[in-house]
Amino acid sequence: MQDKGKAAVQQSKVKLERRATLTGKPLEQVKQVVSGNRIIAGCIVSFFDPEARPIKKVTEFGYKVRIDEKESGFVTGYAVL
């Protein structure tokens, strides 16, 4: 039982150390943006998911489609625009 407790404490310690290190990064990012640097390599966009990356908007090609439906979800009409 003590081994499980020690393992849980060790895991919590590692998580806390990681969070403490991560806390300083957004502050540095803010300083860089305020000083005029808009492109920051490896920027943190989520404190809870540090590996998350920003979604870049790309130009899309194709057709737009309008779909009409009732509140119940039945499709009542459509049009290719």
PDB file of N, CA and C in Angstrom:
ATOM      1  N   MET A   1       0.829  -1.198   0.000  1.00  0.00           N
ATOM      2  CA  MET A   1       0.000   0.000   0.000  1.00  0.00           C
ATOM      3  C   MET A   1       0.864   1.248   0.000  1.00  0.00           C
ATOM      4  N   GLN A   2       1.982   1.238   0.746  1.00  0.00           N
ATOM      5  CA  GLN A   2       2.846   2.404   0.799  1.00  0.00           C
ATOM      6  C   GLN A   2       3.496   2.678  -0.549  1.00  0.00           C
ATOM      7  N   ASP A   3       3.806   1.614  -1.307  1.00  0.00           N
ATOM      8  CA  ASP A   3       4.422   1.788  -2.622  1.00  0.00           C
ATOM      9  C   ASP A   3       3.484   2.544  -3.560  1.00  0.00           C
ATOM     10  N   LYS A   4       2.187   2.222  -3.497  1.00  0.00           N
ATOM     11  CA  LYS A   4       1.217   2.931  -4.334  1.00  0.00           C
ATOM     12  C   LYS A   4       1.139   4.397  -3.936  1.00  0.00           C
ATOM     13  N   GLY A   5       1.191   4.655  -2.648  1.00  0.00           N
ATOM     14  CA  GLY A   5       1.148   6.035  -2.147  1.00  0.00           C
ATOM     15  C   GLY A   5       2.373   6.816  -2.581  1.00  0.00           C
ATOM     16  N   LYS A   6       3.544   6.185  -2.498  1.00  0.00           N
ATOM     17  CA  LYS A   6       4.777   6.849  -2.924  1.00  0.00           C
ATOM     18  C   LYS A   6       4.764   7.122  -4.423  1.00  0.00           C
ATOM     19  N   ALA A   7       4.242   6.175  -5.193  1.00  0.00           N
ATOM     20  CA  ALA A   7       4.163   6.354  -6.637  1.00  0.00           C
ATOM     21  C   ALA A   7       3.215   7.500  -6.977  1.00  0.00           C
ATOM     22  N   ALA A   8       2.100   7.593  -6.262  1.00  0.00           N
ATOM     23  CA  ALA A   8       1.141   8.670  -6.504  1.00  0.00           C
ATOM     24  C   ALA A   8       1.742  10.025  -6.152  1.00  0.00           C
ATOM     25  N   VAL A   9       2.479  10.065  -5.057  1.00  0.00           N
ATOM     26  CA  VAL A   9       3.139  11.316  -4.652  1.00  0.00           C
ATOM     27  C   VAL A   9       4.185  11.706  -5.684  1.00  0.00           C
ATOM     28  N   GLN A  10       4.942  10.733  -6.178  1.00  0.00           N
ATOM     29  CA  GLN A  10       5.962  11.013  -7.187  1.00  0.00           C
ATOM     30  C   GLN A  10       5.332  11.545  -8.475  1.00  0.00           C
ATOM     31  N   GLN A  11       4.224  10.933  -8.900  1.00  0.00           N
ATOM     32  CA  GLN A  11       3.521  11.405 -10.100  1.00  0.00           C
ATOM     33  C   GLN A  11       3.021  12.836  -9.910  1.00  0.00           C
ATOM     34  N   SER A  12       2.467  13.112  -8.743  1.00  0.00           N
ATOM     35  CA  SER A  12       1.976  14.461  -8.467  1.00  0.00           C
ATOM     36  C   SER A  12       3.113  15.471  -8.463  1.00  0.00           C
ATOM     37  N   LYS A  13       4.247  15.060  -7.935  1.00  0.00           N
ATOM     38  CA  LYS A  13       5.417  15.941  -7.889  1.00  0.00           C
ATOM     39  C   LYS A  13       5.891  16.282  -9.301  1.00  0.00           C
ATOM     40  N   VAL A  14       5.947  15.270 -10.168  1.00  0.00           N
ATOM     41  CA  VAL A  14       6.380  15.480 -11.553  1.00  0.00           C
ATOM     42  C   VAL A  14       5.409  16.418 -12.274  1.00  0.00           C
ATOM     43  N   LYS A  15       4.105  16.198 -12.098  1.00  0.00           N
ATOM     44  CA  LYS A  15       3.097  17.062 -12.727  1.00  0.00           C
ATOM     45  C   LYS A  15       3.220  18.503 -12.235  1.00  0.00           C
ATOM     46  N   LEU A  16       3.400  18.671 -10.940  1.00  0.00           N
ATOM     47  CA  LEU A  16       3.515  20.006 -10.367  1.00  0.00           C
ATOM     48  C   LEU A  16       4.762  20.720 -10.878  1.00  0.00           C
ATOM     49  N   GLU A  17       5.879  20.009 -10.975  1.00  0.00           N
ATOM     50  CA  GLU A  17       7.107  20.610 -11.494  1.00  0.00           C
ATOM     51  C   GLU A  17       6.922  21.030 -12.955  1.00  0.00           C
ATOM     52  N   ARG A  18       6.249  20.185 -13.742  1.00  0.00           N
ATOM     53  CA  ARG A  18       5.995  20.502 -15.145  1.00  0.00           C
ATOM     54  C   ARG A  18       5.116  21.748 -15.259  1.00  0.00           C
ATOM     55  N   ARG A  19       4.076  21.836 -14.433  1.00  0.00           N
ATOM     56  CA  ARG A  19       3.176  22.999 -14.456  1.00  0.00           C
ATOM     57  C   ARG A  19       3.919  24.266 -14.025  1.00  0.00           C
ATOM     58  N   ALA A  20       4.769  24.136 -13.017  1.00  0.00           N
ATOM     59  CA  ALA A  20       5.524  25.305 -12.549  1.00  0.00           C
ATOM     60  C   ALA A  20       6.447  25.820 -13.646  1.00  0.00           C
ATOM     61  N   THR A  21       7.091  24.927 -14.377  1.00  0.00           N
ATOM     62  CA  THR A  21       7.958  25.321 -15.483  1.00  0.00           C
ATOM     63  C   THR A  21       7.136  25.950 -16.597  1.00  0.00           C
ATOM     64  N   LEU A  22       5.986  25.375 -16.880  1.00  0.00           N
ATOM     65  CA  LEU A  22       5.130  25.841 -17.960  1.00  0.00           C
ATOM     66  C   LEU A  22       4.533  27.222 -17.672  1.00  0.00           C
ATOM     67  N   THR A  23       4.341  27.549 -16.418  1.00  0.00           N
ATOM     68  CA  THR A  23       3.720  28.817 -16.048  1.00  0.00           C
ATOM     69  C   THR A  23       4.522  30.014 -16.544  1.00  0.00           C
ATOM     70  N   GLY A  24       5.822  29.913 -16.562  1.00  0.00           N
ATOM     71  CA  GLY A  24       6.650  31.031 -16.995  1.00  0.00           C
ATOM     72  C   GLY A  24       6.626  31.277 -18.493  1.00  0.00           C
ATOM     73  N   LYS A  25       6.350  30.262 -19.282  1.00  0.00           N
ATOM     74  CA  LYS A  25       6.394  30.402 -20.745  1.00  0.00           C
ATOM     75  C   LYS A  25       5.360  31.383 -21.291  1.00  0.00           C
ATOM     76  N   PRO A  26       4.079  31.315 -20.888  1.00  0.00           N
ATOM     77  CA  PRO A  26       3.133  32.311 -21.398  1.00  0.00           C
ATOM     78  C   PRO A  26       3.512  33.742 -21.020  1.00  0.00           C
ATOM     79  N   LEU A  27       4.106  33.915 -19.854  1.00  0.00           N
ATOM     80  CA  LEU A  27       4.534  35.257 -19.454  1.00  0.00           C
ATOM     81  C   LEU A  27       5.626  35.771 -20.391  1.00  0.00           C
ATOM     82  N   GLU A  28       6.548  34.906 -20.754  1.00  0.00           N
ATOM     83  CA  GLU A  28       7.597  35.292 -21.708  1.00  0.00           C
ATOM     84  C   GLU A  28       6.990  35.586 -23.082  1.00  0.00           C
ATOM     85  N   GLN A  29       6.001  34.800 -23.480  1.00  0.00           N
ATOM     86  CA  GLN A  29       5.337  35.026 -24.765  1.00  0.00           C
ATOM     87  C   GLN A  29       4.672  36.393 -24.799  1.00  0.00           C
ATOM     88  N   VAL A  30       4.020  36.771 -23.708  1.00  0.00           N
ATOM     89  CA  VAL A  30       3.360  38.076 -23.637  1.00  0.00           C
ATOM     90  C   VAL A  30       4.401  39.189 -23.775  1.00  0.00           C
ATOM     91  N   LYS A  31       5.525  39.050 -23.114  1.00  0.00           N
ATOM     92  CA  LYS A  31       6.585  40.057 -23.218  1.00  0.00           C
ATOM     93  C   LYS A  31       7.076  40.182 -24.656  1.00  0.00           C
ATOM     94  N   GLN A  32       7.218  39.052 -25.351  1.00  0.00           N
ATOM     95  CA  GLN A  32       7.668  39.082 -26.739  1.00  0.00           C
ATOM     96  C   GLN A  32       6.651  39.768 -27.639  1.00  0.00           C
ATOM     97  N   VAL A  33       5.368  39.476 -27.427  1.00  0.00           N
ATOM     98  CA  VAL A  33       4.325  40.088 -28.256  1.00  0.00           C
ATOM     99  C   VAL A  33       4.266  41.594 -28.004  1.00  0.00           C
ATOM    100  N   VAL A  34       4.356  41.991 -26.742  1.00  0.00           N
ATOM    101  CA  VAL A  34       4.319  43.416 -26.410  1.00  0.00           C
ATOM    102  C   VAL A  34       5.508  44.153 -27.024  1.00  0.00           C
ATOM    103  N   SER A  35       6.650  43.484 -27.105  1.00  0.00           N
ATOM    104  CA  SER A  35       7.829  44.121 -27.689  1.00  0.00           C
ATOM    105  C   SER A  35       7.798  44.129 -29.215  1.00  0.00           C
ATOM    106  N   GLY A  36       6.765  43.522 -29.829  1.00  0.00           N
ATOM    107  CA  GLY A  36       6.606  43.595 -31.274  1.00  0.00           C
ATOM    108  C   GLY A  36       6.810  42.291 -32.015  1.00  0.00           C
ATOM    109  N   ASN A  37       7.240  41.247 -31.350  1.00  0.00           N
ATOM    110  CA  ASN A  37       7.443  39.952 -32.012  1.00  0.00           C
ATOM    111  C   ASN A  37       6.117  39.198 -32.066  1.00  0.00           C
ATOM    112  N   ARG A  38       5.553  39.042 -33.255  1.00  0.00           N
ATOM    113  CA  ARG A  38       4.265  38.361 -33.410  1.00  0.00           C
ATOM    114  C   ARG A  38       4.422  36.880 -33.733  1.00  0.00           C
ATOM    115  N   ILE A  39       5.602  36.450 -34.134  1.00  0.00           N
ATOM    116  CA  ILE A  39       5.837  35.050 -34.482  1.00  0.00           C
ATOM    117  C   ILE A  39       6.735  34.435 -33.410  1.00  0.00           C
ATOM    118  N   ILE A  40       6.168  33.536 -32.637  1.00  0.00           N
ATOM    119  CA  ILE A  40       6.893  32.911 -31.531  1.00  0.00           C
ATOM    120  C   ILE A  40       6.947  31.412 -31.783  1.00  0.00           C
ATOM    121  N   ALA A  41       8.136  30.886 -31.986  1.00  0.00           N
ATOM    122  CA  ALA A  41       8.302  29.451 -32.239  1.00  0.00           C
ATOM    123  C   ALA A  41       7.973  28.661 -30.971  1.00  0.00           C
ATOM    124  N   GLY A  42       7.181  27.616 -31.121  1.00  0.00           N
ATOM    125  CA  GLY A  42       6.856  26.745 -29.993  1.00  0.00           C
ATOM    126  C   GLY A  42       6.008  27.414 -28.938  1.00  0.00           C
ATOM    127  N   CYS A  43       5.146  28.344 -29.346  1.00  0.00           N
ATOM    128  CA  CYS A  43       4.340  29.068 -28.362  1.00  0.00           C
ATOM    129  C   CYS A  43       3.338  28.126 -27.684  1.00  0.00           C
ATOM    130  N   ILE A  44       2.997  28.456 -26.463  1.00  0.00           N
ATOM    131  CA  ILE A  44       2.037  27.682 -25.683  1.00  0.00           C
ATOM    132  C   ILE A  44       0.656  28.289 -25.927  1.00  0.00           C
ATOM    133  N   VAL A  45      -0.267  27.505 -26.459  1.00  0.00           N
ATOM    134  CA  VAL A  45      -1.622  27.988 -26.696  1.00  0.00           C
ATOM    135  C   VAL A  45      -2.615  27.403 -25.697  1.00  0.00           C
ATOM    136  N   SER A  46      -2.195  26.398 -24.927  1.00  0.00           N
ATOM    137  CA  SER A  46      -3.070  25.797 -23.926  1.00  0.00           C
ATOM    138  C   SER A  46      -2.234  25.355 -22.727  1.00  0.00           C
ATOM    139  N   PHE A  47      -2.573  25.877 -21.567  1.00  0.00           N
ATOM    140  CA  PHE A  47      -1.865  25.496 -20.348  1.00  0.00           C
ATOM    141  C   PHE A  47      -2.106  24.029 -20.011  1.00  0.00           C
ATOM    142  N   PHE A  48      -3.304  23.539 -20.311  1.00  0.00           N
ATOM    143  CA  PHE A  48      -3.659  22.170 -19.957  1.00  0.00           C
ATOM    144  C   PHE A  48      -3.237  21.155 -21.006  1.00  0.00           C
ATOM    145  N   ASP A  49      -2.900  21.616 -22.208  1.00  0.00           N
ATOM    146  CA  ASP A  49      -2.404  20.736 -23.263  1.00  0.00           C
ATOM    147  C   ASP A  49      -1.245  21.447 -23.965  1.00  0.00           C
ATOM    148  N   PRO A  50      -0.055  21.418 -23.373  1.00  0.00           N
ATOM    149  CA  PRO A  50       1.083  22.177 -23.904  1.00  0.00           C
ATOM    150  C   PRO A  50       1.506  21.760 -25.310  1.00  0.00           C
ATOM    151  N   GLU A  51       1.154  20.563 -25.742  1.00  0.00           N
ATOM    152  CA  GLU A  51       1.523  20.104 -27.077  1.00  0.00           C
ATOM    153  C   GLU A  51       0.564  20.608 -28.149  1.00  0.00           C
ATOM    154  N   ALA A  52      -0.545  21.244 -27.749  1.00  0.00           N
ATOM    155  CA  ALA A  52      -1.524  21.756 -28.712  1.00  0.00           C
ATOM    156  C   ALA A  52      -0.881  22.843 -29.571  1.00  0.00           C
ATOM    157  N   ARG A  53      -1.244  22.873 -30.831  1.00  0.00           N
ATOM    158  CA  ARG A  53      -0.723  23.863 -31.781  1.00  0.00           C
ATOM    159  C   ARG A  53      -1.875  24.695 -32.302  1.00  0.00           C
ATOM    160  N   PRO A  54      -1.624  25.948 -32.659  1.00  0.00           N
ATOM    161  CA  PRO A  54      -2.703  26.769 -33.215  1.00  0.00           C
ATOM    162  C   PRO A  54      -3.164  26.240 -34.564  1.00  0.00           C
ATOM    163  N   ILE A  55      -4.430  26.405 -34.847  1.00  0.00           N
ATOM    164  CA  ILE A  55      -4.984  25.982 -36.128  1.00  0.00           C
ATOM    165  C   ILE A  55      -4.827  27.142 -37.104  1.00  0.00           C
ATOM    166  N   LYS A  56      -4.165  26.877 -38.202  1.00  0.00           N
ATOM    167  CA  LYS A  56      -3.950  27.914 -39.198  1.00  0.00           C
ATOM    168  C   LYS A  56      -5.069  27.845 -40.226  1.00  0.00           C
ATOM    169  N   LYS A  57      -5.615  28.981 -40.535  1.00  0.00           N
ATOM    170  CA  LYS A  57      -6.690  29.071 -41.521  1.00  0.00           C
ATOM    171  C   LYS A  57      -6.084  28.956 -42.911  1.00  0.00           C
ATOM    172  N   VAL A  58      -6.595  28.036 -43.690  1.00  0.00           N
ATOM    173  CA  VAL A  58      -6.111  27.844 -45.055  1.00  0.00           C
ATOM    174  C   VAL A  58      -7.195  28.276 -46.031  1.00  0.00           C
ATOM    175  N   THR A  59      -6.802  28.626 -47.217  1.00  0.00           N
ATOM    176  CA  THR A  59      -7.764  28.969 -48.250  1.00  0.00           C
ATOM    177  C   THR A  59      -8.412  27.686 -48.740  1.00  0.00           C
ATOM    178  N   GLU A  60      -9.723  27.679 -48.757  1.00  0.00           N
ATOM    179  CA  GLU A  60     -10.446  26.485 -49.177  1.00  0.00           C
ATOM    180  C   GLU A  60     -11.030  26.704 -50.570  1.00  0.00           C
ATOM    181  N   PHE A  61     -11.109  25.645 -51.336  1.00  0.00           N
ATOM    182  CA  PHE A  61     -11.682  25.691 -52.669  1.00  0.00           C
ATOM    183  C   PHE A  61     -12.838  24.715 -52.739  1.00  0.00           C
ATOM    184  N   GLY A  62     -13.793  25.013 -53.585  1.00  0.00           N
ATOM    185  CA  GLY A  62     -14.917  24.102 -53.748  1.00  0.00           C
ATOM    186  C   GLY A  62     -16.211  24.867 -53.832  1.00  0.00           C
ATOM    187  N   TYR A  63     -17.298  24.201 -53.572  1.00  0.00           N
ATOM    188  CA  TYR A  63     -18.627  24.786 -53.678  1.00  0.00           C
ATOM    189  C   TYR A  63     -19.218  24.979 -52.290  1.00  0.00           C
ATOM    190  N   LYS A  64     -20.042  25.999 -52.171  1.00  0.00           N
ATOM    191  CA  LYS A  64     -20.801  26.193 -50.943  1.00  0.00           C
ATOM    192  C   LYS A  64     -22.152  25.527 -51.141  1.00  0.00           C
ATOM    193  N   VAL A  65     -22.657  24.922 -50.093  1.00  0.00           N
ATOM    194  CA  VAL A  65     -23.959  24.253 -50.161  1.00  0.00           C
ATOM    195  C   VAL A  65     -24.823  24.793 -49.031  1.00  0.00           C
ATOM    196  N   ARG A  66     -26.066  25.136 -49.355  1.00  0.00           N
ATOM    197  CA  ARG A  66     -27.031  25.545 -48.337  1.00  0.00           C
ATOM    198  C   ARG A  66     -27.971  24.378 -48.098  1.00  0.00           C
ATOM    199  N   ILE A  67     -28.137  23.992 -46.867  1.00  0.00           N
ATOM    200  CA  ILE A  67     -29.032  22.884 -46.522  1.00  0.00           C
ATOM    201  C   ILE A  67     -30.109  23.423 -45.589  1.00  0.00           C
ATOM    202  N   ASP A  68     -31.363  23.220 -45.962  1.00  0.00           N
ATOM    203  CA  ASP A  68     -32.496  23.638 -45.137  1.00  0.00           C
ATOM    204  C   ASP A  68     -33.011  22.413 -44.393  1.00  0.00           C
ATOM    205  N   GLU A  69     -33.289  22.600 -43.118  1.00  0.00           N
ATOM    206  CA  GLU A  69     -33.841  21.483 -42.353  1.00  0.00           C
ATOM    207  C   GLU A  69     -34.815  21.995 -41.319  1.00  0.00           C
ATOM    208  N   LYS A  70     -35.727  21.121 -40.931  1.00  0.00           N
ATOM    209  CA  LYS A  70     -36.705  21.452 -39.890  1.00  0.00           C
ATOM    210  C   LYS A  70     -36.052  21.253 -38.534  1.00  0.00           C
ATOM    211  N   GLU A  71     -36.729  21.718 -37.507  1.00  0.00           N
ATOM    212  CA  GLU A  71     -36.209  21.557 -36.157  1.00  0.00           C
ATOM    213  C   GLU A  71     -36.006  20.090 -35.788  1.00  0.00           C
ATOM    214  N   SER A  72     -36.786  19.212 -36.406  1.00  0.00           N
ATOM    215  CA  SER A  72     -36.668  17.785 -36.110  1.00  0.00           C
ATOM    216  C   SER A  72     -35.469  17.147 -36.798  1.00  0.00           C
ATOM    217  N   GLY A  73     -34.820  17.904 -37.715  1.00  0.00           N
ATOM    218  CA  GLY A  73     -33.625  17.388 -38.357  1.00  0.00           C
ATOM    219  C   GLY A  73     -33.821  16.900 -39.772  1.00  0.00           C
ATOM    220  N   PHE A  74     -35.046  16.910 -40.264  1.00  0.00           N
ATOM    221  CA  PHE A  74     -35.297  16.454 -41.629  1.00  0.00           C
ATOM    222  C   PHE A  74     -34.860  17.524 -42.629  1.00  0.00           C
ATOM    223  N   VAL A  75     -34.160  17.115 -43.676  1.00  0.00           N
ATOM    224  CA  VAL A  75     -33.730  18.036 -44.708  1.00  0.00           C
ATOM    225  C   VAL A  75     -34.915  18.335 -45.613  1.00  0.00           C
ATOM    226  N   THR A  76     -35.214  19.623 -45.770  1.00  0.00           N
ATOM    227  CA  THR A  76     -36.370  20.035 -46.581  1.00  0.00           C
ATOM    228  C   THR A  76     -35.953  20.684 -47.884  1.00  0.00           C
ATOM    229  N   GLY A  77     -34.677  20.970 -48.039  1.00  0.00           N
ATOM    230  CA  GLY A  77     -34.223  21.577 -49.268  1.00  0.00           C
ATOM    231  C   GLY A  77     -32.720  21.808 -49.231  1.00  0.00           C
ATOM    232  N   TYR A  78     -32.164  22.024 -50.415  1.00  0.00           N
ATOM    233  CA  TYR A  78     -30.742  22.333 -50.503  1.00  0.00           C
ATOM    234  C   TYR A  78     -30.479  23.108 -51.781  1.00  0.00           C
ATOM    235  N   ALA A  79     -29.337  23.756 -51.840  1.00  0.00           N
ATOM    236  CA  ALA A  79     -28.949  24.481 -53.040  1.00  0.00           C
ATOM    237  C   ALA A  79     -27.426  24.538 -53.096  1.00  0.00           C
ATOM    238  N   VAL A  80     -26.869  24.315 -54.272  1.00  0.00           N
ATOM    239  CA  VAL A  80     -25.440  24.474 -54.481  1.00  0.00           C
ATOM    240  C   VAL A  80     -25.218  25.906 -54.921  1.00  0.00           C
ATOM    241  N   LEU A  81     -24.471  26.654 -54.173  1.00  0.00           N
ATOM    242  CA  LEU A  81     -24.270  28.081 -54.449  1.00  0.00           C
ATOM    243  C   LEU A  81     -23.002  28.327 -55.239  1.00  0.00           C
TER     244      LEU A  81
END
